[in-house]
Amino acid sequence: MCNKSVPIFLEVLAAMFLLLSFYPIMRYGTLAGIQVPQHYTNGCVDIWSTRVIFIYIALIGIVIYALLSVYQAYPNLVNIPFSGKMPVGEKKLLAKSIARFLKVWCMAMVAFVSISSYRVAIGKETCLNNTIVCIIILCAIIHLALILLLRKN
């Protein structure tokens, strides 16, 4: 890609989103006896659970982060249909870029779900903010498009 500071920045950003998703676990003691959202339909809670759901969300985030880190380290594991004319080295770089992209945006979604669910549990919100979800998804699509458009031809 452009320079070496961009991948480092994206790695730090993904790690920050992952750490942000641990906030409800740090506040775990304050959630004793409080119902916590487990499932949403159209942004509003339809199934409630206990506070242990935050541990599951964090574990899911850790697994996704680790899996995408492995894909970055070993881009041959990623099955992405590439043009037959693309050199092997460029295929690896593109696969690494896509794995890095997915790591950042998956961690953003995990952090959003974790923090939003915490806010619903403590009564600060009643539903998920669908506008933020749309913004995150739109940014992810733009980011992926830029990776694909700005790659070496």
N, C-alpha and C. Protein backbone atom coordinates (compact mmCIF):
# COMPACT_ATOMS: atom_id res chain seq x y z
N MET A 1 0.85 -1.19 0.00
CA MET A 1 0.00 0.00 0.00
C MET A 1 0.89 1.25 0.00
N CYS A 2 0.38 2.37 0.48
CA CYS A 2 1.08 3.64 0.33
C CYS A 2 2.38 3.71 1.11
N ASN A 3 2.33 3.56 2.44
CA ASN A 3 3.56 3.54 3.23
C ASN A 3 3.37 2.61 4.41
N LYS A 4 4.45 2.42 5.17
CA LYS A 4 4.43 1.42 6.24
C LYS A 4 3.66 1.86 7.47
N SER A 5 3.40 3.16 7.63
CA SER A 5 2.69 3.63 8.81
C SER A 5 1.20 3.31 8.76
N VAL A 6 0.63 3.14 7.57
CA VAL A 6 -0.80 2.84 7.45
C VAL A 6 -1.12 1.46 8.02
N PRO A 7 -0.37 0.38 7.67
CA PRO A 7 -0.68 -0.92 8.27
C PRO A 7 -0.51 -0.92 9.79
N ILE A 8 0.49 -0.21 10.30
CA ILE A 8 0.70 -0.14 11.75
C ILE A 8 -0.48 0.57 12.40
N PHE A 9 -0.91 1.67 11.79
CA PHE A 9 -2.06 2.40 12.32
C PHE A 9 -3.30 1.51 12.35
N LEU A 10 -3.52 0.74 11.29
CA LEU A 10 -4.69 -0.14 11.25
C LEU A 10 -4.61 -1.25 12.28
N GLU A 11 -3.40 -1.77 12.53
CA GLU A 11 -3.23 -2.78 13.57
C GLU A 11 -3.55 -2.21 14.95
N VAL A 12 -3.06 -1.01 15.20
CA VAL A 12 -3.33 -0.34 16.48
C VAL A 12 -4.83 -0.06 16.62
N LEU A 13 -5.45 0.39 15.55
CA LEU A 13 -6.88 0.68 15.57
C LEU A 13 -7.69 -0.58 15.87
N ALA A 14 -7.35 -1.69 15.23
CA ALA A 14 -8.05 -2.95 15.49
C ALA A 14 -7.88 -3.38 16.94
N ALA A 15 -6.67 -3.25 17.47
CA ALA A 15 -6.41 -3.62 18.86
C ALA A 15 -7.19 -2.71 19.82
N MET A 16 -7.27 -1.43 19.50
CA MET A 16 -8.03 -0.50 20.34
C MET A 16 -9.51 -0.86 20.36
N PHE A 17 -10.07 -1.20 19.19
CA PHE A 17 -11.48 -1.62 19.15
C PHE A 17 -11.69 -2.88 19.98
N LEU A 18 -10.75 -3.83 19.88
CA LEU A 18 -10.86 -5.06 20.66
C LEU A 18 -10.84 -4.74 22.16
N LEU A 19 -9.91 -3.89 22.58
CA LEU A 19 -9.84 -3.51 23.99
C LEU A 19 -11.08 -2.76 24.44
N LEU A 20 -11.63 -1.94 23.57
CA LEU A 20 -12.85 -1.20 23.89
C LEU A 20 -14.02 -2.15 24.16
N SER A 21 -14.02 -3.29 23.47
CA SER A 21 -15.11 -4.25 23.68
C SER A 21 -15.04 -4.90 25.07
N PHE A 22 -13.91 -4.75 25.77
CA PHE A 22 -13.78 -5.30 27.13
C PHE A 22 -14.34 -4.37 28.20
N TYR A 23 -14.75 -3.16 27.84
CA TYR A 23 -15.26 -2.21 28.84
C TYR A 23 -16.38 -2.79 29.70
N PRO A 24 -17.39 -3.43 29.12
CA PRO A 24 -18.44 -3.99 29.97
C PRO A 24 -17.93 -5.05 30.96
N ILE A 25 -16.87 -5.77 30.59
CA ILE A 25 -16.30 -6.76 31.50
C ILE A 25 -15.63 -6.04 32.68
N MET A 26 -15.01 -4.90 32.42
CA MET A 26 -14.40 -4.13 33.50
C MET A 26 -15.48 -3.60 34.46
N ARG A 27 -16.68 -3.41 33.95
CA ARG A 27 -17.81 -2.93 34.76
C ARG A 27 -18.71 -4.08 35.20
N TYR A 28 -18.20 -5.28 35.13
CA TYR A 28 -18.97 -6.51 35.38
C TYR A 28 -19.68 -6.50 36.73
N GLY A 29 -19.01 -6.02 37.76
CA GLY A 29 -19.60 -6.00 39.10
C GLY A 29 -20.83 -5.12 39.20
N THR A 30 -20.90 -4.08 38.39
CA THR A 30 -22.05 -3.17 38.44
C THR A 30 -23.28 -3.77 37.75
N LEU A 31 -23.11 -4.88 37.05
CA LEU A 31 -24.21 -5.47 36.29
C LEU A 31 -24.88 -6.65 37.01
N ALA A 32 -24.53 -6.88 38.27
CA ALA A 32 -25.12 -8.01 39.00
C ALA A 32 -26.63 -7.83 39.09
N GLY A 33 -27.36 -8.85 38.65
CA GLY A 33 -28.82 -8.84 38.72
C GLY A 33 -29.51 -8.02 37.65
N ILE A 34 -28.76 -7.41 36.76
CA ILE A 34 -29.35 -6.59 35.69
C ILE A 34 -29.50 -7.44 34.44
N GLN A 35 -30.63 -7.28 33.77
CA GLN A 35 -30.82 -7.99 32.50
C GLN A 35 -30.01 -7.30 31.42
N VAL A 36 -29.37 -8.12 30.60
CA VAL A 36 -28.49 -7.63 29.53
C VAL A 36 -29.06 -8.11 28.19
N PRO A 37 -29.06 -7.25 27.18
CA PRO A 37 -29.57 -7.66 25.86
C PRO A 37 -28.74 -8.80 25.26
N GLN A 38 -29.43 -9.78 24.72
CA GLN A 38 -28.75 -10.89 24.05
C GLN A 38 -29.03 -10.89 22.56
N HIS A 39 -30.21 -10.45 22.16
CA HIS A 39 -30.58 -10.46 20.74
C HIS A 39 -31.42 -9.24 20.44
N TYR A 40 -31.22 -8.72 19.23
CA TYR A 40 -31.96 -7.54 18.78
C TYR A 40 -32.74 -7.87 17.51
N THR A 41 -33.92 -7.30 17.39
CA THR A 41 -34.67 -7.34 16.15
C THR A 41 -35.00 -5.89 15.79
N ASN A 42 -34.61 -5.48 14.60
CA ASN A 42 -34.78 -4.10 14.15
C ASN A 42 -34.18 -3.11 15.15
N GLY A 43 -33.10 -3.49 15.79
CA GLY A 43 -32.39 -2.61 16.71
C GLY A 43 -32.91 -2.60 18.14
N CYS A 44 -34.05 -3.26 18.39
CA CYS A 44 -34.60 -3.29 19.74
C CYS A 44 -34.47 -4.69 20.33
N VAL A 45 -34.30 -4.74 21.64
CA VAL A 45 -34.05 -6.00 22.33
C VAL A 45 -35.29 -6.88 22.30
N ASP A 46 -35.09 -8.15 21.93
CA ASP A 46 -36.20 -9.11 22.00
C ASP A 46 -35.86 -10.32 22.87
N ILE A 47 -34.59 -10.50 23.23
CA ILE A 47 -34.19 -11.56 24.14
C ILE A 47 -33.19 -10.97 25.15
N TRP A 48 -33.44 -11.23 26.41
CA TRP A 48 -32.57 -10.74 27.48
C TRP A 48 -31.76 -11.88 28.05
N SER A 49 -30.63 -11.57 28.65
CA SER A 49 -29.74 -12.57 29.21
C SER A 49 -29.14 -12.02 30.50
N THR A 50 -28.11 -12.71 30.99
CA THR A 50 -27.37 -12.23 32.15
C THR A 50 -26.10 -11.54 31.68
N ARG A 51 -25.35 -11.02 32.62
CA ARG A 51 -24.14 -10.27 32.28
C ARG A 51 -23.04 -11.12 31.67
N VAL A 52 -23.15 -12.44 31.75
CA VAL A 52 -22.12 -13.33 31.18
C VAL A 52 -22.04 -13.18 29.65
N ILE A 53 -23.06 -12.62 29.04
CA ILE A 53 -23.05 -12.42 27.58
C ILE A 53 -21.88 -11.53 27.16
N PHE A 54 -21.45 -10.63 28.04
CA PHE A 54 -20.31 -9.76 27.70
C PHE A 54 -19.01 -10.55 27.60
N ILE A 55 -18.89 -11.60 28.39
CA ILE A 55 -17.71 -12.46 28.29
C ILE A 55 -17.73 -13.19 26.95
N TYR A 56 -18.90 -13.64 26.53
CA TYR A 56 -19.02 -14.32 25.24
C TYR A 56 -18.69 -13.37 24.08
N ILE A 57 -19.17 -12.13 24.17
CA ILE A 57 -18.87 -11.15 23.12
C ILE A 57 -17.37 -10.92 23.04
N ALA A 58 -16.71 -10.78 24.19
CA ALA A 58 -15.26 -10.57 24.21
C ALA A 58 -14.52 -11.78 23.64
N LEU A 59 -14.97 -12.98 24.00
CA LEU A 59 -14.33 -14.19 23.48
C LEU A 59 -14.49 -14.30 21.96
N ILE A 60 -15.67 -13.95 21.46
CA ILE A 60 -15.89 -13.96 20.01
C ILE A 60 -14.94 -12.95 19.35
N GLY A 61 -14.80 -11.77 19.94
CA GLY A 61 -13.88 -10.77 19.41
C GLY A 61 -12.44 -11.26 19.38
N ILE A 62 -12.01 -11.93 20.45
CA ILE A 62 -10.64 -12.46 20.52
C ILE A 62 -10.43 -13.52 19.45
N VAL A 63 -11.40 -14.40 19.26
CA VAL A 63 -11.27 -15.47 18.26
C VAL A 63 -11.20 -14.86 16.85
N ILE A 64 -12.06 -13.91 16.56
CA ILE A 64 -12.04 -13.26 15.24
C ILE A 64 -10.70 -12.55 15.02
N TYR A 65 -10.24 -11.83 16.03
CA TYR A 65 -8.97 -11.11 15.94
C TYR A 65 -7.82 -12.08 15.67
N ALA A 66 -7.78 -13.18 16.42
CA ALA A 66 -6.71 -14.17 16.25
C ALA A 66 -6.77 -14.82 14.87
N LEU A 67 -7.97 -15.19 14.44
CA LEU A 67 -8.13 -15.83 13.14
C LEU A 67 -7.68 -14.90 12.00
N LEU A 68 -8.07 -13.65 12.06
CA LEU A 68 -7.67 -12.71 11.03
C LEU A 68 -6.18 -12.39 11.10
N SER A 69 -5.59 -12.45 12.29
CA SER A 69 -4.14 -12.27 12.42
C SER A 69 -3.39 -13.42 11.76
N VAL A 70 -3.92 -14.63 11.92
CA VAL A 70 -3.32 -15.80 11.26
C VAL A 70 -3.43 -15.64 9.74
N TYR A 71 -4.58 -15.17 9.27
CA TYR A 71 -4.75 -14.97 7.83
C TYR A 71 -3.80 -13.90 7.30
N GLN A 72 -3.50 -12.89 8.12
CA GLN A 72 -2.54 -11.89 7.70
C GLN A 72 -1.14 -12.48 7.61
N ALA A 73 -0.79 -13.30 8.58
CA ALA A 73 0.55 -13.90 8.61
C ALA A 73 0.73 -14.95 7.52
N TYR A 74 -0.35 -15.66 7.20
CA TYR A 74 -0.30 -16.72 6.19
C TYR A 74 -1.38 -16.47 5.14
N PRO A 75 -1.16 -15.52 4.24
CA PRO A 75 -2.19 -15.15 3.26
C PRO A 75 -2.58 -16.28 2.31
N ASN A 76 -1.77 -17.34 2.22
CA ASN A 76 -2.13 -18.47 1.36
C ASN A 76 -3.34 -19.22 1.89
N LEU A 77 -3.66 -19.04 3.19
CA LEU A 77 -4.82 -19.71 3.78
C LEU A 77 -6.14 -19.07 3.34
N VAL A 78 -6.06 -17.84 2.87
CA VAL A 78 -7.26 -17.11 2.48
C VAL A 78 -7.63 -17.50 1.06
N ASN A 79 -8.85 -17.93 0.88
CA ASN A 79 -9.32 -18.34 -0.44
C ASN A 79 -10.09 -17.19 -1.08
N ILE A 80 -9.34 -16.33 -1.76
CA ILE A 80 -9.94 -15.18 -2.44
C ILE A 80 -9.75 -15.40 -3.93
N PRO A 81 -10.81 -15.34 -4.70
CA PRO A 81 -10.65 -15.55 -6.15
C PRO A 81 -9.92 -14.35 -6.78
N PHE A 82 -8.72 -14.60 -7.25
CA PHE A 82 -7.91 -13.57 -7.88
C PHE A 82 -7.88 -13.80 -9.38
N SER A 83 -7.57 -12.75 -10.07
CA SER A 83 -7.34 -12.85 -11.50
C SER A 83 -6.12 -13.73 -11.75
N GLY A 84 -6.21 -14.60 -12.74
CA GLY A 84 -5.09 -15.48 -13.06
C GLY A 84 -3.86 -14.72 -13.52
N LYS A 85 -4.03 -13.47 -13.95
CA LYS A 85 -2.92 -12.67 -14.45
C LYS A 85 -2.15 -11.98 -13.33
N MET A 86 -2.68 -12.00 -12.11
CA MET A 86 -2.06 -11.29 -11.00
C MET A 86 -0.86 -12.09 -10.47
N PRO A 87 0.30 -11.44 -10.30
CA PRO A 87 1.48 -12.13 -9.76
C PRO A 87 1.22 -12.63 -8.33
N VAL A 88 1.91 -13.70 -7.96
CA VAL A 88 1.73 -14.33 -6.64
C VAL A 88 2.01 -13.34 -5.51
N GLY A 89 3.07 -12.56 -5.64
CA GLY A 89 3.41 -11.59 -4.61
C GLY A 89 2.32 -10.57 -4.38
N GLU A 90 1.70 -10.13 -5.47
CA GLU A 90 0.62 -9.16 -5.34
C GLU A 90 -0.62 -9.80 -4.73
N LYS A 91 -0.87 -11.07 -5.05
CA LYS A 91 -2.00 -11.77 -4.45
C LYS A 91 -1.85 -11.84 -2.93
N LYS A 92 -0.61 -12.11 -2.47
CA LYS A 92 -0.36 -12.19 -1.03
C LYS A 92 -0.57 -10.83 -0.37
N LEU A 93 -0.06 -9.77 -1.01
CA LEU A 93 -0.24 -8.42 -0.45
C LEU A 93 -1.71 -8.04 -0.39
N LEU A 94 -2.46 -8.37 -1.42
CA LEU A 94 -3.88 -8.05 -1.44
C LEU A 94 -4.62 -8.86 -0.37
N ALA A 95 -4.28 -10.13 -0.22
CA ALA A 95 -4.91 -10.95 0.82
C ALA A 95 -4.60 -10.40 2.21
N LYS A 96 -3.36 -9.96 2.43
CA LYS A 96 -3.01 -9.35 3.72
C LYS A 96 -3.80 -8.08 3.96
N SER A 97 -3.94 -7.26 2.93
CA SER A 97 -4.69 -6.01 3.06
C SER A 97 -6.14 -6.27 3.40
N ILE A 98 -6.72 -7.26 2.74
CA ILE A 98 -8.12 -7.58 3.00
C ILE A 98 -8.29 -8.14 4.41
N ALA A 99 -7.37 -8.99 4.87
CA ALA A 99 -7.44 -9.52 6.23
C ALA A 99 -7.30 -8.39 7.25
N ARG A 100 -6.40 -7.44 6.99
CA ARG A 100 -6.21 -6.29 7.89
C ARG A 100 -7.48 -5.46 7.92
N PHE A 101 -8.07 -5.24 6.76
CA PHE A 101 -9.32 -4.49 6.64
C PHE A 101 -10.43 -5.17 7.44
N LEU A 102 -10.56 -6.47 7.26
CA LEU A 102 -11.60 -7.20 7.98
C LEU A 102 -11.38 -7.15 9.49
N LYS A 103 -10.12 -7.21 9.90
CA LYS A 103 -9.83 -7.18 11.34
C LYS A 103 -10.30 -5.86 11.95
N VAL A 104 -9.98 -4.75 11.31
CA VAL A 104 -10.37 -3.44 11.84
C VAL A 104 -11.88 -3.33 11.93
N TRP A 105 -12.58 -3.66 10.86
CA TRP A 105 -14.02 -3.44 10.85
C TRP A 105 -14.78 -4.47 11.67
N CYS A 106 -14.29 -5.69 11.75
CA CYS A 106 -14.94 -6.68 12.64
C CYS A 106 -14.77 -6.26 14.10
N MET A 107 -13.59 -5.75 14.45
CA MET A 107 -13.37 -5.30 15.82
C MET A 107 -14.22 -4.06 16.13
N ALA A 108 -14.42 -3.21 15.12
CA ALA A 108 -15.31 -2.05 15.31
C ALA A 108 -16.74 -2.52 15.61
N MET A 109 -17.19 -3.53 14.89
CA MET A 109 -18.55 -4.04 15.12
C MET A 109 -18.66 -4.72 16.49
N VAL A 110 -17.64 -5.48 16.89
CA VAL A 110 -17.66 -6.14 18.20
C VAL A 110 -17.70 -5.08 19.30
N ALA A 111 -16.88 -4.05 19.17
CA ALA A 111 -16.87 -2.97 20.17
C ALA A 111 -18.23 -2.27 20.21
N PHE A 112 -18.79 -2.00 19.04
CA PHE A 112 -20.10 -1.34 18.99
C PHE A 112 -21.17 -2.17 19.69
N VAL A 113 -21.23 -3.46 19.38
CA VAL A 113 -22.24 -4.33 20.00
C VAL A 113 -22.03 -4.39 21.51
N SER A 114 -20.80 -4.52 21.94
CA SER A 114 -20.50 -4.62 23.36
C SER A 114 -20.90 -3.35 24.11
N ILE A 115 -20.43 -2.22 23.64
CA ILE A 115 -20.72 -0.94 24.31
C ILE A 115 -22.20 -0.61 24.24
N SER A 116 -22.81 -0.81 23.08
CA SER A 116 -24.24 -0.51 22.95
C SER A 116 -25.08 -1.41 23.85
N SER A 117 -24.73 -2.68 23.92
CA SER A 117 -25.46 -3.59 24.80
C SER A 117 -25.30 -3.18 26.26
N TYR A 118 -24.11 -2.73 26.61
CA TYR A 118 -23.88 -2.24 27.97
C TYR A 118 -24.77 -1.03 28.25
N ARG A 119 -24.83 -0.10 27.31
CA ARG A 119 -25.65 1.10 27.49
C ARG A 119 -27.13 0.75 27.61
N VAL A 120 -27.59 -0.24 26.85
CA VAL A 120 -28.98 -0.67 26.96
C VAL A 120 -29.21 -1.32 28.33
N ALA A 121 -28.24 -2.13 28.78
CA ALA A 121 -28.39 -2.83 30.06
C ALA A 121 -28.50 -1.86 31.23
N ILE A 122 -27.71 -0.78 31.19
CA ILE A 122 -27.75 0.16 32.31
C ILE A 122 -28.85 1.22 32.15
N GLY A 123 -29.61 1.13 31.06
CA GLY A 123 -30.76 2.01 30.88
C GLY A 123 -30.48 3.33 30.20
N LYS A 124 -29.29 3.52 29.65
CA LYS A 124 -28.98 4.78 28.96
C LYS A 124 -29.60 4.84 27.57
N GLU A 125 -29.87 3.68 26.97
CA GLU A 125 -30.51 3.60 25.66
C GLU A 125 -31.56 2.50 25.71
N THR A 126 -32.50 2.54 24.77
CA THR A 126 -33.51 1.49 24.71
C THR A 126 -33.30 0.57 23.52
N CYS A 127 -32.64 1.06 22.49
CA CYS A 127 -32.38 0.27 21.27
C CYS A 127 -30.99 0.60 20.75
N LEU A 128 -30.52 -0.24 19.84
CA LEU A 128 -29.25 0.04 19.16
C LEU A 128 -29.42 1.25 18.26
N ASN A 129 -28.36 1.99 18.10
CA ASN A 129 -28.38 3.13 17.19
C ASN A 129 -28.03 2.62 15.79
N ASN A 130 -29.05 2.40 14.97
CA ASN A 130 -28.84 1.84 13.64
C ASN A 130 -28.06 2.78 12.72
N THR A 131 -28.06 4.06 13.02
CA THR A 131 -27.29 5.01 12.22
C THR A 131 -25.80 4.69 12.32
N ILE A 132 -25.33 4.38 13.53
CA ILE A 132 -23.92 4.05 13.72
C ILE A 132 -23.56 2.77 12.98
N VAL A 133 -24.45 1.78 13.02
CA VAL A 133 -24.21 0.53 12.29
C VAL A 133 -24.07 0.82 10.80
N CYS A 134 -24.95 1.64 10.27
CA CYS A 134 -24.89 1.98 8.84
C CYS A 134 -23.59 2.72 8.51
N ILE A 135 -23.15 3.62 9.39
CA ILE A 135 -21.91 4.35 9.16
C ILE A 135 -20.72 3.40 9.17
N ILE A 136 -20.68 2.46 10.13
CA ILE A 136 -19.58 1.50 10.20
C ILE A 136 -19.55 0.64 8.93
N ILE A 137 -20.70 0.15 8.50
CA ILE A 137 -20.76 -0.68 7.30
C ILE A 137 -20.36 0.12 6.06
N LEU A 138 -20.83 1.36 5.96
CA LEU A 138 -20.47 2.21 4.82
C LEU A 138 -18.97 2.47 4.78
N CYS A 139 -18.37 2.77 5.93
CA CYS A 139 -16.92 2.99 5.99
C CYS A 139 -16.17 1.72 5.60
N ALA A 140 -16.67 0.57 6.03
CA ALA A 140 -16.02 -0.69 5.68
C ALA A 140 -16.07 -0.93 4.17
N ILE A 141 -17.20 -0.66 3.56
CA ILE A 141 -17.33 -0.84 2.11
C ILE A 141 -16.39 0.12 1.36
N ILE A 142 -16.33 1.36 1.80
CA ILE A 142 -15.44 2.33 1.17
C ILE A 142 -13.99 1.89 1.32
N HIS A 143 -13.63 1.42 2.51
CA HIS A 143 -12.27 0.97 2.77
C HIS A 143 -11.90 -0.20 1.86
N LEU A 144 -12.77 -1.18 1.74
CA LEU A 144 -12.51 -2.32 0.86
C LEU A 144 -12.40 -1.87 -0.60
N ALA A 145 -13.27 -0.97 -1.02
CA ALA A 145 -13.20 -0.47 -2.39
C ALA A 145 -11.86 0.23 -2.65
N LEU A 146 -11.38 1.00 -1.67
CA LEU A 146 -10.09 1.67 -1.84
C LEU A 146 -8.95 0.67 -1.92
N ILE A 147 -9.00 -0.38 -1.11
CA ILE A 147 -7.96 -1.40 -1.18
C ILE A 147 -7.93 -2.01 -2.57
N LEU A 148 -9.09 -2.33 -3.09
CA LEU A 148 -9.14 -2.98 -4.40
C LEU A 148 -8.79 -2.02 -5.54
N LEU A 149 -9.17 -0.76 -5.42
CA LEU A 149 -8.91 0.20 -6.48
C LEU A 149 -7.46 0.70 -6.48
N LEU A 150 -6.86 0.83 -5.30
CA LEU A 150 -5.52 1.41 -5.22
C LEU A 150 -4.40 0.37 -5.26
N ARG A 151 -4.76 -0.88 -5.41
CA ARG A 151 -3.71 -1.90 -5.50
C ARG A 151 -2.92 -1.69 -6.79
N LYS A 152 -1.73 -2.25 -6.82
CA LYS A 152 -0.89 -2.10 -8.02
C LYS A 152 -1.53 -2.87 -9.16
N ASN A 153 -1.59 -2.24 -10.32
CA ASN A 153 -2.17 -2.90 -11.51
C ASN A 153 -1.11 -3.51 -12.37
